[in-house]
């Protein structure tokens, strides 16, 4: 069990982080933090699974999931190893820092906040503590509470069939019997990605989806909102933890019906529809905010990262659920249209339409295959 846990940590934490370090070399925006680097690497890793899974699904008949697992494992390791090598070279080439000067005495503002320091203010620490308590409670309930959900018959079972029988969408999840390729769900390969993680780590797919993945996907969602808060509140103050507390409270008490994004976020965390609402759409909003910021005071800084987030999440939306491609394309087109008007740069809207090409191709393929 310990070895399985370490393998899973390596697959969903270390590989995305090192991949993100490689991607960060293409957009050296000052102030890039580890959270954004990890997010970029995670998107790359999961989007990379899409063409591999489709290729094996349509062109390989026997044991196609086993072939998909081997190919994707090799391809996912290549950018991560390259990122680790680049990181080692950067550390070796980094010049030794000058000896630190004596620390300046802390200067307090009229509000009592310590200047030239991070999180030293008591109010800020209380807010961060409150958020962490709420997050810990959500993780505890997500792991220990079982929710009745009919969709599990399909999503989790497809992951389990892929892990144990080595086939992709060619067995009925309700009976286990063989059938033709399920074209309706074939393009939404997120259950197969979970099956890949289960296969590599040796963890049962049901346990992985319903117990382990919430421990990763829920903090990932708050990481996205943390990056959004940093753009909305660039000054270092109490607004960021307060913003996260508000978001966490809305997530806890937003289950006013069985169809809200908040309910999916906490009760169906591992499903594609849940990831669409809790990860994909917030990342698109993050990309649009970063794009607006890049055309502000420091024009050009962060443009590549913004478009990367927008395009990669457009692909991820289709991986999560078929309708996600249409939703993400509409959001990107609308956001870029508003930015083009506000910034008086028509090129933003044109580029935004080009960024929606993956979703258009996805929807065309869905219609033709179905």
Foldseek 3Di string as FASTA:
>chain_A
DVQLVVQLCCVLPQLLQLLLLLVCVVAVFPPDDSLLSSVLSNLVLVLVLQVLLVCLQPPPDALSLVVSLVVSVVVSVVSSVVSVVVVVVCVVPDDDDDDDDDDDDWDADPVRDTPPDAPPDPVLVVLLVLLVVLLVVLLVCQAPPADDDPCCLPLLLQLQCCLPVSHHQQADSNPRHGHPRDLQCSSQCLSSVLSSSCNRSVNRSVCCQRHPVLVPQVVSLLSLLLLVQCLVPVDRDNSSSVSSSVVSVCLVPVPPDCPDLSNCVRHVVSALVNCLSRPLVSLLVSLLSQCLVCLPPPPPRCPVVSLSSLLSSLSSLSNRHPCRNVVSLVVLLVSQVVSCVVSVPVVSNVVSNVSSVNSVVSNVSSVVSD
